[in-house]
Amino acid sequence: MNDPRASFVVLASVAAVMLTYVNPAMAHAGTGLAGGFGAGFAHPFGGMDHLLAMVSVGLWGAVLGEPLVYLLPMVFPGVMVLGAVLGMVGVPLPPVEWGIALSVCTLGLCVACALRPGVGMAMIVVAAFGLFHGYAHGKELPSAADPVGYSTGFVLATGSLHVFGIGLGLAARWPRGMLALRAVGIGIAVTGVHFIVQATRA
C-alpha cells in the first residue's frame, strides 16, 4: 500500500529540482579527473554528498525489505551510468548540485520517517537521484586519464556503499534498532539541508 507521506516527499523533491532549472550552474562539472580504476573507486568516499546518498539507498532498501532491498541498489548505479552518458554528450539537466543535495536530504528523510511507498515510486525517486549523481561525473569523465577504468571503479564503489547501507539497515531487526536507524536518517537529512544551502550560494 502506498504511503501518502512518501508520495509527498518524492513529488516535492522532484518539483524543487525542476524549479531550479532556471539557473543551471553545476559545481561538479569541469573539475577534471586523474587516474583510472583506483581513482574511480576512491572518488565516492571523498565526497560526503555522494557517500551519504549511496549509503542511504542501501539503508532505505533495508528498511523497505524485499524486493526493494535488492532492486534499489541495482536501479541507482544502473541509472547513474545513463546519467554519466547524458553528461558526456552534454544533454541539459536541471542544476546537478541541487539534485545531489536534494538526494541526500530526501533519502535521509525516507529513512528517518521509515517511508514505505509502492515499489514503483521508490524506484522512481532512487532512479531520479541516480541520474544526477551520474551526470555530475559524466561531465568530468572526458578529462580522466582512463575514463573506462574510472567509471568501472566508481560504479563498483557505489555498489559497495549500497551494500554497506544494507548492512547497517539490518540493525532494524534488533530491539530499538529501527529507532537508531531513524536517528541516522535524521542526521543524513540535516546534512542534506546543509548541502542545499551550499547549492544556493554556488
Protein backbone atom coordinates (compact mmCIF):
# COMPACT_ATOMS: atom_id res chain seq x y z
CA MET A 1 0.00 0.00 0.00
CA ASN A 2 1.33 3.45 -0.91
CA ASP A 3 2.20 5.81 1.94
CA PRO A 4 0.89 9.34 1.17
CA ARG A 5 3.78 10.86 3.11
CA ALA A 6 6.22 9.15 0.78
CA SER A 7 4.42 10.46 -2.30
CA PHE A 8 4.55 13.99 -0.90
CA VAL A 9 8.28 13.86 -0.20
CA VAL A 10 9.04 12.43 -3.64
CA LEU A 11 6.85 14.86 -5.56
CA ALA A 12 8.08 17.86 -3.57
CA SER A 13 11.70 16.91 -4.25
CA VAL A 14 11.13 16.41 -7.98
CA ALA A 15 9.29 19.74 -8.16
CA ALA A 16 12.10 21.53 -6.35
CA VAL A 17 14.67 20.13 -8.76
CA MET A 18 12.64 21.18 -11.78
CA LEU A 19 12.10 24.70 -10.42
CA THR A 20 15.84 25.19 -10.20
CA TYR A 21 16.15 24.68 -13.96
CA VAL A 22 16.23 28.46 -14.39
CA ASN A 23 19.79 28.55 -13.03
CA PRO A 24 21.76 25.63 -14.46
CA ALA A 25 25.04 26.13 -12.57
CA MET A 26 26.95 22.93 -11.80
CA ALA A 27 29.84 22.94 -9.36
CA HIS A 28 30.87 19.37 -10.21
CA ALA A 29 31.30 20.00 -13.91
CA GLY A 30 34.72 20.60 -15.37
CA THR A 31 36.80 19.87 -12.30
CA GLY A 32 38.82 17.23 -14.12
CA LEU A 33 39.79 13.73 -13.05
CA ALA A 34 43.09 11.88 -12.90
CA GLY A 35 43.87 8.19 -12.81
CA GLY A 36 41.82 5.11 -13.64
CA PHE A 37 40.11 2.33 -11.68
CA GLY A 38 41.70 3.16 -8.31
CA ALA A 39 40.82 6.83 -8.54
CA GLY A 40 37.30 6.00 -9.62
CA PHE A 41 36.78 3.57 -6.77
CA ALA A 42 38.11 6.07 -4.22
CA HIS A 43 36.14 9.05 -5.51
CA PRO A 44 32.74 8.37 -3.84
CA PHE A 45 34.48 8.02 -0.48
CA GLY A 46 35.95 11.51 -0.80
CA GLY A 47 32.67 13.35 -1.38
CA MET A 48 30.27 13.35 1.57
CA ASP A 49 27.27 14.19 -0.61
CA HIS A 50 27.80 11.17 -2.87
CA LEU A 51 28.76 8.88 0.00
CA LEU A 52 25.68 9.69 2.10
CA ALA A 53 23.30 9.34 -0.83
CA MET A 54 24.70 5.95 -1.79
CA VAL A 55 24.64 4.61 1.77
CA SER A 56 21.09 5.95 2.16
CA VAL A 57 19.92 3.94 -0.85
CA GLY A 58 21.06 0.76 0.90
CA LEU A 59 19.61 1.88 4.24
CA TRP A 60 16.22 2.68 2.75
CA GLY A 61 16.19 -0.59 0.83
CA ALA A 62 16.85 -2.47 4.07
CA VAL A 63 14.01 -0.63 5.77
CA LEU A 64 11.65 -1.42 2.89
CA GLY A 65 12.65 -5.08 2.68
CA GLU A 66 12.13 -7.37 -0.29
CA PRO A 67 12.09 -6.81 -3.20
CA LEU A 68 13.37 -3.23 -2.87
CA VAL A 69 16.37 -4.18 -0.77
CA TYR A 70 17.67 -5.79 -3.97
CA LEU A 71 16.09 -3.51 -6.57
CA LEU A 72 17.17 -0.09 -5.27
CA PRO A 73 20.91 -0.93 -5.23
CA MET A 74 20.56 -2.08 -8.84
CA VAL A 75 18.48 0.87 -10.04
CA PHE A 76 20.75 3.60 -8.65
CA PRO A 77 24.05 2.56 -10.33
CA GLY A 78 22.21 1.49 -13.48
CA VAL A 79 20.62 4.90 -13.95
CA MET A 80 23.83 6.55 -12.78
CA VAL A 81 25.55 5.10 -15.85
CA LEU A 82 22.81 6.59 -18.02
CA GLY A 83 23.31 9.93 -16.31
CA ALA A 84 27.04 9.75 -16.99
CA VAL A 85 26.35 9.22 -20.70
CA LEU A 86 24.00 12.22 -20.74
CA GLY A 87 26.67 14.30 -19.03
CA MET A 88 29.34 13.28 -21.52
CA VAL A 89 27.20 14.21 -24.53
CA GLY A 90 26.05 17.46 -22.91
CA VAL A 91 22.31 16.84 -22.59
CA PRO A 92 20.98 19.68 -20.39
CA LEU A 93 19.56 18.84 -16.95
CA PRO A 94 18.40 20.98 -14.02
CA PRO A 95 21.27 22.12 -11.74
CA VAL A 96 23.12 18.98 -10.73
CA GLU A 97 24.29 20.35 -7.38
CA TRP A 98 20.67 20.87 -6.39
CA GLY A 99 19.75 17.36 -7.46
CA ILE A 100 22.61 15.83 -5.48
CA ALA A 101 21.87 17.92 -2.37
CA LEU A 102 18.18 17.05 -2.52
CA SER A 103 19.03 13.39 -2.92
CA VAL A 104 20.86 13.38 0.42
CA CYS A 105 18.08 15.26 2.19
CA THR A 106 15.22 13.26 0.68
CA LEU A 107 16.76 9.83 1.11
CA GLY A 108 17.66 10.73 4.69
CA LEU A 109 14.04 11.68 5.32
CA CYS A 110 12.86 8.43 3.77
CA VAL A 111 14.97 6.52 6.27
CA ALA A 112 14.13 8.81 9.20
CA CYS A 113 10.39 8.51 8.60
CA ALA A 114 10.57 4.86 7.52
CA LEU A 115 8.53 5.83 4.48
CA ARG A 116 7.07 2.86 2.61
CA PRO A 117 5.89 3.89 -0.85
CA GLY A 118 5.00 1.42 -3.54
CA VAL A 119 7.75 -0.40 -5.39
CA GLY A 120 7.40 1.81 -8.46
CA MET A 121 7.54 5.08 -6.52
CA ALA A 122 10.62 4.04 -4.56
CA MET A 123 12.40 3.04 -7.74
CA ILE A 124 11.46 6.33 -9.43
CA VAL A 125 12.93 8.51 -6.69
CA VAL A 126 16.15 6.48 -6.49
CA ALA A 127 16.47 6.48 -10.29
CA ALA A 128 15.94 10.26 -10.47
CA PHE A 129 18.68 10.93 -7.96
CA GLY A 130 20.99 8.35 -9.53
CA LEU A 131 20.66 10.29 -12.77
CA PHE A 132 22.01 13.46 -11.15
CA HIS A 133 24.91 11.70 -9.45
CA GLY A 134 25.89 10.03 -12.71
CA TYR A 135 25.51 13.23 -14.71
CA ALA A 136 27.91 15.09 -12.44
CA HIS A 137 30.64 12.57 -13.15
CA GLY A 138 29.81 12.20 -16.80
CA LYS A 139 30.70 15.86 -17.24
CA GLU A 140 34.13 15.12 -15.75
CA LEU A 141 34.91 11.80 -17.44
CA PRO A 142 36.33 13.14 -20.73
CA SER A 143 39.23 14.65 -18.75
CA ALA A 144 40.06 11.40 -16.93
CA ALA A 145 43.27 9.57 -17.80
CA ASP A 146 41.32 6.31 -18.14
CA PRO A 147 37.56 7.00 -18.44
CA VAL A 148 36.55 3.32 -18.67
CA GLY A 149 38.64 2.27 -15.68
CA TYR A 150 37.49 5.28 -13.69
CA SER A 151 33.82 4.57 -14.46
CA THR A 152 34.18 0.90 -13.53
CA GLY A 153 35.79 1.79 -10.22
CA PHE A 154 33.15 4.39 -9.45
CA VAL A 155 30.25 2.02 -10.15
CA LEU A 156 31.79 -0.74 -8.03
CA ALA A 157 32.38 1.71 -5.17
CA THR A 158 28.76 2.79 -5.45
CA GLY A 159 27.64 -0.82 -5.14
CA SER A 160 29.86 -1.36 -2.11
CA LEU A 161 28.33 1.67 -0.39
CA HIS A 162 24.86 0.34 -1.10
CA VAL A 163 25.83 -2.97 0.47
CA PHE A 164 27.26 -1.13 3.48
CA GLY A 165 23.96 0.72 3.87
CA ILE A 166 22.04 -2.56 3.70
CA GLY A 167 24.32 -3.97 6.38
CA LEU A 168 23.58 -1.01 8.64
CA GLY A 169 19.90 -1.46 7.90
CA LEU A 170 19.97 -4.93 9.45
CA ALA A 171 20.02 -3.11 12.79
CA ALA A 172 16.26 -2.70 12.34
CA ARG A 173 15.90 -6.33 13.42
CA TRP A 174 17.33 -5.62 16.86
CA PRO A 175 15.49 -4.06 19.83
CA ARG A 176 15.37 -0.30 19.25
CA GLY A 177 17.34 -0.83 16.07
CA MET A 178 14.76 0.98 13.95
CA LEU A 179 14.95 3.94 16.31
CA ALA A 180 18.71 4.09 15.77
CA LEU A 181 18.27 3.93 12.01
CA ARG A 182 15.77 6.76 12.11
CA ALA A 183 18.27 8.83 14.06
CA VAL A 184 20.87 8.12 11.36
CA GLY A 185 18.31 9.17 8.74
CA ILE A 186 17.71 12.44 10.56
CA GLY A 187 21.44 13.13 10.60
CA ILE A 188 21.69 12.43 6.87
CA ALA A 189 18.70 14.66 6.12
CA VAL A 190 20.13 17.53 8.17
CA THR A 191 23.43 17.19 6.32
CA GLY A 192 21.43 17.29 3.09
CA VAL A 193 19.92 20.61 4.17
CA HIS A 194 23.47 21.91 4.61
CA PHE A 195 24.29 20.82 1.05
CA ILE A 196 21.15 22.57 -0.22
CA VAL A 197 22.24 25.79 1.48
CA GLN A 198 25.66 25.43 -0.14
CA ALA A 199 23.99 24.91 -3.53
CA THR A 200 22.03 28.14 -3.16
CA ARG A 201 25.29 30.02 -2.61
CA ALA A 202 27.12 28.45 -5.55
